[in-house]
Amino acid sequence: MAIQPGVITGQICDVPPGKNCQAITLSIESPYQPVSEIDYAKAGLLWGLAFTSVIFLYLFSKGIGLILNMVKNA
């Protein structure tokens, strides 16, 4: 069996060896394009935005919880 980039060739034979063999070729074409270079500056900005959003939501929820707790205990 020979393997080339994107192509696999080989043979399929019946159970008694050498009786009825067929050559096959399998061509593999990927629908996906390779990943381009990662822009670390943009990735850092997105990560920072996501992290800041999570911290903001946590602190906001904590504040609302404190206010509701004060109203409940008043």
PDB file of N, CA and C in Angstrom:
ATOM      1  N   MET A   1       0.853  -1.169   0.000  1.00  0.00           N
ATOM      2  CA  MET A   1       0.000   0.000   0.000  1.00  0.00           C
ATOM      3  C   MET A   1       0.901   1.235   0.000  1.00  0.00           C
ATOM      4  N   ALA A   2       0.708   2.094  -0.953  1.00  0.00           N
ATOM      5  CA  ALA A   2       1.482   3.328  -1.041  1.00  0.00           C
ATOM      6  C   ALA A   2       0.650   4.483  -0.516  1.00  0.00           C
ATOM      7  N   ILE A   3       1.286   5.351   0.258  1.00  0.00           N
ATOM      8  CA  ILE A   3       0.590   6.514   0.794  1.00  0.00           C
ATOM      9  C   ILE A   3       1.282   7.768   0.286  1.00  0.00           C
ATOM     10  N   GLN A   4       0.510   8.622  -0.355  1.00  0.00           N
ATOM     11  CA  GLN A   4       0.976   9.909  -0.838  1.00  0.00           C
ATOM     12  C   GLN A   4       0.119  10.972  -0.174  1.00  0.00           C
ATOM     13  N   PRO A   5       0.570  12.219  -0.150  1.00  0.00           N
ATOM     14  CA  PRO A   5      -0.257  13.260   0.458  1.00  0.00           C
ATOM     15  C   PRO A   5      -1.616  13.360  -0.232  1.00  0.00           C
ATOM     16  N   GLY A   6      -2.682  13.066   0.488  1.00  0.00           N
ATOM     17  CA  GLY A   6      -4.031  13.182  -0.048  1.00  0.00           C
ATOM     18  C   GLY A   6      -4.505  11.990  -0.854  1.00  0.00           C
ATOM     19  N   VAL A   7      -3.666  10.956  -1.060  1.00  0.00           N
ATOM     20  CA  VAL A   7      -4.052   9.797  -1.872  1.00  0.00           C
ATOM     21  C   VAL A   7      -3.581   8.522  -1.176  1.00  0.00           C
ATOM     22  N   ILE A   8      -4.475   7.536  -1.089  1.00  0.00           N
ATOM     23  CA  ILE A   8      -4.125   6.219  -0.557  1.00  0.00           C
ATOM     24  C   ILE A   8      -4.447   5.199  -1.638  1.00  0.00           C
ATOM     25  N   THR A   9      -3.475   4.375  -1.977  1.00  0.00           N
ATOM     26  CA  THR A   9      -3.698   3.321  -2.971  1.00  0.00           C
ATOM     27  C   THR A   9      -3.444   1.970  -2.310  1.00  0.00           C
ATOM     28  N   GLY A  10      -4.137   0.948  -2.794  1.00  0.00           N
ATOM     29  CA  GLY A  10      -3.963  -0.386  -2.247  1.00  0.00           C
ATOM     30  C   GLY A  10      -4.717  -1.410  -3.068  1.00  0.00           C
ATOM     31  N   GLN A  11      -4.845  -2.625  -2.514  1.00  0.00           N
ATOM     32  CA  GLN A  11      -5.551  -3.705  -3.193  1.00  0.00           C
ATOM     33  C   GLN A  11      -6.526  -4.365  -2.231  1.00  0.00           C
ATOM     34  N   ILE A  12      -7.657  -4.800  -2.786  1.00  0.00           N
ATOM     35  CA  ILE A  12      -8.635  -5.584  -2.040  1.00  0.00           C
ATOM     36  C   ILE A  12      -8.693  -6.950  -2.703  1.00  0.00           C
ATOM     37  N   CYS A  13      -8.460  -7.993  -1.893  1.00  0.00           N
ATOM     38  CA  CYS A  13      -8.437  -9.354  -2.435  1.00  0.00           C
ATOM     39  C   CYS A  13      -9.462 -10.230  -1.722  1.00  0.00           C
ATOM     40  N   ASP A  14      -9.933 -11.286  -2.423  1.00  0.00           N
ATOM     41  CA  ASP A  14     -10.813 -12.277  -1.813  1.00  0.00           C
ATOM     42  C   ASP A  14     -10.019 -13.108  -0.805  1.00  0.00           C
ATOM     43  N   VAL A  15     -10.740 -13.953  -0.055  1.00  0.00           N
ATOM     44  CA  VAL A  15     -10.110 -14.745   0.999  1.00  0.00           C
ATOM     45  C   VAL A  15      -9.004 -15.656   0.474  1.00  0.00           C
ATOM     46  N   PRO A  16      -9.213 -16.471  -0.566  1.00  0.00           N
ATOM     47  CA  PRO A  16      -8.052 -17.232  -1.064  1.00  0.00           C
ATOM     48  C   PRO A  16      -7.050 -16.250  -1.669  1.00  0.00           C
ATOM     49  N   PRO A  17      -5.844 -16.167  -1.117  1.00  0.00           N
ATOM     50  CA  PRO A  17      -4.892 -15.141  -1.566  1.00  0.00           C
ATOM     51  C   PRO A  17      -4.593 -15.215  -3.059  1.00  0.00           C
ATOM     52  N   GLY A  18      -4.605 -14.052  -3.691  1.00  0.00           N
ATOM     53  CA  GLY A  18      -4.228 -13.935  -5.094  1.00  0.00           C
ATOM     54  C   GLY A  18      -5.286 -14.341  -6.093  1.00  0.00           C
ATOM     55  N   LYS A  19      -6.472 -14.718  -5.655  1.00  0.00           N
ATOM     56  CA  LYS A  19      -7.490 -15.190  -6.594  1.00  0.00           C
ATOM     57  C   LYS A  19      -8.171 -14.041  -7.324  1.00  0.00           C
ATOM     58  N   ASN A  20      -8.743 -13.102  -6.600  1.00  0.00           N
ATOM     59  CA  ASN A  20      -9.495 -12.028  -7.235  1.00  0.00           C
ATOM     60  C   ASN A  20      -9.137 -10.718  -6.523  1.00  0.00           C
ATOM     61  N   CYS A  21      -8.184  -9.993  -7.071  1.00  0.00           N
ATOM     62  CA  CYS A  21      -7.731  -8.747  -6.451  1.00  0.00           C
ATOM     63  C   CYS A  21      -8.132  -7.555  -7.302  1.00  0.00           C
ATOM     64  N   GLN A  22      -8.443  -6.466  -6.630  1.00  0.00           N
ATOM     65  CA  GLN A  22      -8.778  -5.216  -7.313  1.00  0.00           C
ATOM     66  C   GLN A  22      -7.931  -4.099  -6.717  1.00  0.00           C
ATOM     67  N   ALA A  23      -7.405  -3.261  -7.582  1.00  0.00           N
ATOM     68  CA  ALA A  23      -6.644  -2.098  -7.123  1.00  0.00           C
ATOM     69  C   ALA A  23      -7.620  -0.962  -6.817  1.00  0.00           C
ATOM     70  N   ILE A  24      -7.367  -0.275  -5.722  1.00  0.00           N
ATOM     71  CA  ILE A  24      -8.217   0.860  -5.356  1.00  0.00           C
ATOM     72  C   ILE A  24      -7.346   2.087  -5.118  1.00  0.00           C
ATOM     73  N   THR A  25      -7.931   3.236  -5.342  1.00  0.00           N
ATOM     74  CA  THR A  25      -7.285   4.513  -5.048  1.00  0.00           C
ATOM     75  C   THR A  25      -8.294   5.385  -4.321  1.00  0.00           C
ATOM     76  N   LEU A  26      -7.913   5.869  -3.156  1.00  0.00           N
ATOM     77  CA  LEU A  26      -8.783   6.719  -2.355  1.00  0.00           C
ATOM     78  C   LEU A  26      -8.170   8.107  -2.295  1.00  0.00           C
ATOM     79  N   SER A  27      -8.904   9.065  -2.822  1.00  0.00           N
ATOM     80  CA  SER A  27      -8.448  10.454  -2.823  1.00  0.00           C
ATOM     81  C   SER A  27      -9.140  11.194  -1.687  1.00  0.00           C
ATOM     82  N   ILE A  28      -8.358  11.852  -0.859  1.00  0.00           N
ATOM     83  CA  ILE A  28      -8.905  12.573   0.292  1.00  0.00           C
ATOM     84  C   ILE A  28      -8.716  14.066   0.057  1.00  0.00           C
ATOM     85  N   GLU A  29      -9.839  14.774  -0.013  1.00  0.00           N
ATOM     86  CA  GLU A  29      -9.796  16.224  -0.150  1.00  0.00           C
ATOM     87  C   GLU A  29     -10.474  16.824   1.069  1.00  0.00           C
ATOM     88  N   SER A  30      -9.769  17.649   1.768  1.00  0.00           N
ATOM     89  CA  SER A  30     -10.312  18.253   2.980  1.00  0.00           C
ATOM     90  C   SER A  30     -11.121  19.497   2.631  1.00  0.00           C
ATOM     91  N   PRO A  31     -12.367  19.608   3.150  1.00  0.00           N
ATOM     92  CA  PRO A  31     -13.158  20.811   2.889  1.00  0.00           C
ATOM     93  C   PRO A  31     -12.710  21.987   3.749  1.00  0.00           C
ATOM     94  N   TYR A  32     -11.816  21.726   4.698  1.00  0.00           N
ATOM     95  CA  TYR A  32     -11.376  22.771   5.612  1.00  0.00           C
ATOM     96  C   TYR A  32     -10.038  23.339   5.166  1.00  0.00           C
ATOM     97  N   GLN A  33      -9.878  24.612   5.374  1.00  0.00           N
ATOM     98  CA  GLN A  33      -8.605  25.242   5.070  1.00  0.00           C
ATOM     99  C   GLN A  33      -7.744  25.208   6.324  1.00  0.00           C
ATOM    100  N   PRO A  34      -6.445  25.164   6.151  1.00  0.00           N
ATOM    101  CA  PRO A  34      -5.587  25.142   7.336  1.00  0.00           C
ATOM    102  C   PRO A  34      -5.751  26.419   8.152  1.00  0.00           C
ATOM    103  N   VAL A  35      -5.489  26.294   9.437  1.00  0.00           N
ATOM    104  CA  VAL A  35      -5.629  27.434  10.338  1.00  0.00           C
ATOM    105  C   VAL A  35      -4.566  28.469   9.998  1.00  0.00           C
ATOM    106  N   SER A  36      -5.010  29.696   9.847  1.00  0.00           N
ATOM    107  CA  SER A  36      -4.057  30.763   9.569  1.00  0.00           C
ATOM    108  C   SER A  36      -3.368  31.165  10.867  1.00  0.00           C
ATOM    109  N   GLU A  37      -2.430  32.049  10.752  1.00  0.00           N
ATOM    110  CA  GLU A  37      -1.697  32.513  11.923  1.00  0.00           C
ATOM    111  C   GLU A  37      -2.647  33.144  12.931  1.00  0.00           C
ATOM    112  N   ILE A  38      -2.420  32.878  14.191  1.00  0.00           N
ATOM    113  CA  ILE A  38      -3.259  33.423  15.258  1.00  0.00           C
ATOM    114  C   ILE A  38      -2.782  34.832  15.581  1.00  0.00           C
ATOM    115  N   ASP A  39      -3.720  35.764  15.619  1.00  0.00           N
ATOM    116  CA  ASP A  39      -3.403  37.134  16.006  1.00  0.00           C
ATOM    117  C   ASP A  39      -3.536  37.211  17.521  1.00  0.00           C
ATOM    118  N   TYR A  40      -2.408  37.156  18.212  1.00  0.00           N
ATOM    119  CA  TYR A  40      -2.426  37.100  19.666  1.00  0.00           C
ATOM    120  C   TYR A  40      -2.921  38.394  20.293  1.00  0.00           C
ATOM    121  N   ALA A  41      -2.755  39.510  19.623  1.00  0.00           N
ATOM    122  CA  ALA A  41      -3.260  40.775  20.153  1.00  0.00           C
ATOM    123  C   ALA A  41      -4.787  40.753  20.202  1.00  0.00           C
ATOM    124  N   LYS A  42      -5.420  40.309  19.116  1.00  0.00           N
ATOM    125  CA  LYS A  42      -6.885  40.226  19.096  1.00  0.00           C
ATOM    126  C   LYS A  42      -7.386  39.159  20.067  1.00  0.00           C
ATOM    127  N   ALA A  43      -6.686  38.038  20.128  1.00  0.00           N
ATOM    128  CA  ALA A  43      -7.083  36.978  21.059  1.00  0.00           C
ATOM    129  C   ALA A  43      -6.990  37.476  22.500  1.00  0.00           C
ATOM    130  N   GLY A  44      -5.959  38.249  22.802  1.00  0.00           N
ATOM    131  CA  GLY A  44      -5.818  38.811  24.142  1.00  0.00           C
ATOM    132  C   GLY A  44      -6.927  39.792  24.467  1.00  0.00           C
ATOM    133  N   LEU A  45      -7.307  40.606  23.478  1.00  0.00           N
ATOM    134  CA  LEU A  45      -8.407  41.549  23.694  1.00  0.00           C
ATOM    135  C   LEU A  45      -9.719  40.816  23.954  1.00  0.00           C
ATOM    136  N   LEU A  46      -9.987  39.788  23.175  1.00  0.00           N
ATOM    137  CA  LEU A  46     -11.221  39.021  23.372  1.00  0.00           C
ATOM    138  C   LEU A  46     -11.224  38.309  24.721  1.00  0.00           C
ATOM    139  N   TRP A  47     -10.075  37.747  25.100  1.00  0.00           N
ATOM    140  CA  TRP A  47      -9.988  37.078  26.390  1.00  0.00           C
ATOM    141  C   TRP A  47     -10.208  38.081  27.517  1.00  0.00           C
ATOM    142  N   GLY A  48      -9.595  39.250  27.403  1.00  0.00           N
ATOM    143  CA  GLY A  48      -9.770  40.289  28.418  1.00  0.00           C
ATOM    144  C   GLY A  48     -11.215  40.746  28.523  1.00  0.00           C
ATOM    145  N   LEU A  49     -11.878  40.902  27.388  1.00  0.00           N
ATOM    146  CA  LEU A  49     -13.289  41.293  27.393  1.00  0.00           C
ATOM    147  C   LEU A  49     -14.142  40.226  28.078  1.00  0.00           C
ATOM    148  N   ALA A  50     -13.900  38.971  27.743  1.00  0.00           N
ATOM    149  CA  ALA A  50     -14.673  37.883  28.344  1.00  0.00           C
ATOM    150  C   ALA A  50     -14.422  37.811  29.850  1.00  0.00           C
ATOM    151  N   PHE A  51     -13.173  37.922  30.265  1.00  0.00           N
ATOM    152  CA  PHE A  51     -12.829  37.856  31.683  1.00  0.00           C
ATOM    153  C   PHE A  51     -13.457  39.015  32.448  1.00  0.00           C
ATOM    154  N   THR A  52     -13.364  40.216  31.874  1.00  0.00           N
ATOM    155  CA  THR A  52     -13.949  41.394  32.512  1.00  0.00           C
ATOM    156  C   THR A  52     -15.464  41.260  32.620  1.00  0.00           C
ATOM    157  N   SER A  53     -16.093  40.720  31.588  1.00  0.00           N
ATOM    158  CA  SER A  53     -17.548  40.529  31.615  1.00  0.00           C
ATOM    159  C   SER A  53     -17.955  39.562  32.719  1.00  0.00           C
ATOM    160  N   VAL A  54     -17.214  38.494  32.876  1.00  0.00           N
ATOM    161  CA  VAL A  54     -17.533  37.509  33.915  1.00  0.00           C
ATOM    162  C   VAL A  54     -17.365  38.131  35.300  1.00  0.00           C
ATOM    163  N   ILE A  55     -16.287  38.863  35.515  1.00  0.00           N
ATOM    164  CA  ILE A  55     -16.066  39.514  36.812  1.00  0.00           C
ATOM    165  C   ILE A  55     -17.164  40.535  37.087  1.00  0.00           C
ATOM    166  N   PHE A  56     -17.532  41.331  36.062  1.00  0.00           N
ATOM    167  CA  PHE A  56     -18.590  42.325  36.234  1.00  0.00           C
ATOM    168  C   PHE A  56     -19.905  41.653  36.620  1.00  0.00           C
ATOM    169  N   LEU A  57     -20.271  40.594  35.910  1.00  0.00           N
ATOM    170  CA  LEU A  57     -21.524  39.902  36.221  1.00  0.00           C
ATOM    171  C   LEU A  57     -21.503  39.297  37.621  1.00  0.00           C
ATOM    172  N   TYR A  58     -20.359  38.774  38.025  1.00  0.00           N
ATOM    173  CA  TYR A  58     -20.249  38.213  39.371  1.00  0.00           C
ATOM    174  C   TYR A  58     -20.447  39.304  40.424  1.00  0.00           C
ATOM    175  N   LEU A  59     -19.740  40.433  40.269  1.00  0.00           N
ATOM    176  CA  LEU A  59     -19.851  41.511  41.253  1.00  0.00           C
ATOM    177  C   LEU A  59     -21.251  42.124  41.251  1.00  0.00           C
ATOM    178  N   PHE A  60     -21.847  42.272  40.072  1.00  0.00           N
ATOM    179  CA  PHE A  60     -23.204  42.807  39.975  1.00  0.00           C
ATOM    180  C   PHE A  60     -24.189  41.893  40.707  1.00  0.00           C
ATOM    181  N   SER A  61     -24.079  40.599  40.471  1.00  0.00           N
ATOM    182  CA  SER A  61     -24.967  39.636  41.126  1.00  0.00           C
ATOM    183  C   SER A  61     -24.741  39.627  42.633  1.00  0.00           C
ATOM    184  N   LYS A  62     -23.487  39.745  43.040  1.00  0.00           N
ATOM    185  CA  LYS A  62     -23.172  39.791  44.469  1.00  0.00           C
ATOM    186  C   LYS A  62     -23.819  41.017  45.106  1.00  0.00           C
ATOM    187  N   GLY A  63     -23.745  42.180  44.434  1.00  0.00           N
ATOM    188  CA  GLY A  63     -24.357  43.402  44.947  1.00  0.00           C
ATOM    189  C   GLY A  63     -25.868  43.292  45.033  1.00  0.00           C
ATOM    190  N   ILE A  64     -26.493  42.754  43.994  1.00  0.00           N
ATOM    191  CA  ILE A  64     -27.952  42.563  44.014  1.00  0.00           C
ATOM    192  C   ILE A  64     -28.337  41.616  45.147  1.00  0.00           C
ATOM    193  N   GLY A  65     -27.537  40.569  45.353  1.00  0.00           N
ATOM    194  CA  GLY A  65     -27.804  39.630  46.438  1.00  0.00           C
ATOM    195  C   GLY A  65     -27.719  40.299  47.797  1.00  0.00           C
ATOM    196  N   LEU A  66     -26.738  41.190  47.987  1.00  0.00           N
ATOM    197  CA  LEU A  66     -26.614  41.906  49.258  1.00  0.00           C
ATOM    198  C   LEU A  66     -27.807  42.826  49.492  1.00  0.00           C
ATOM    199  N   ILE A  67     -28.238  43.523  48.431  1.00  0.00           N
ATOM    200  CA  ILE A  67     -29.395  44.419  48.554  1.00  0.00           C
ATOM    201  C   ILE A  67     -30.649  43.620  48.892  1.00  0.00           C
ATOM    202  N   LEU A  68     -30.875  42.516  48.204  1.00  0.00           N
ATOM    203  CA  LEU A  68     -32.052  41.690  48.490  1.00  0.00           C
ATOM    204  C   LEU A  68     -31.996  41.109  49.901  1.00  0.00           C
ATOM    205  N   ASN A  69     -30.804  40.767  50.351  1.00  0.00           N
ATOM    206  CA  ASN A  69     -30.650  40.239  51.706  1.00  0.00           C
ATOM    207  C   ASN A  69     -30.970  41.316  52.744  1.00  0.00           C
ATOM    208  N   MET A  70     -30.547  42.579  52.483  1.00  0.00           N
ATOM    209  CA  MET A  70     -30.877  43.674  53.405  1.00  0.00           C
ATOM    210  C   MET A  70     -32.384  43.905  53.453  1.00  0.00           C
ATOM    211  N   VAL A  71     -33.045  43.876  52.288  1.00  0.00           N
ATOM    212  CA  VAL A  71     -34.497  44.074  52.239  1.00  0.00           C
ATOM    213  C   VAL A  71     -35.207  42.939  52.975  1.00  0.00           C
ATOM    214  N   LYS A  72     -34.717  41.740  52.810  1.00  0.00           N
ATOM    215  CA  LYS A  72     -35.328  40.577  53.455  1.00  0.00           C
ATOM    216  C   LYS A  72     -35.205  40.668  54.978  1.00  0.00           C
ATOM    217  N   ASN A  73     -34.060  41.116  55.469  1.00  0.00           N
ATOM    218  CA  ASN A  73     -33.819  41.172  56.914  1.00  0.00           C
ATOM    219  C   ASN A  73     -34.300  42.471  57.554  1.00  0.00           C
ATOM    220  N   ALA A  74     -34.822  43.414  56.782  1.00  0.00           N
ATOM    221  CA  ALA A  74     -35.246  44.702  57.343  1.00  0.00           C
ATOM    222  C   ALA A  74     -36.555  44.620  58.063  1.00  0.00           C
TER     223      ALA A  74
END
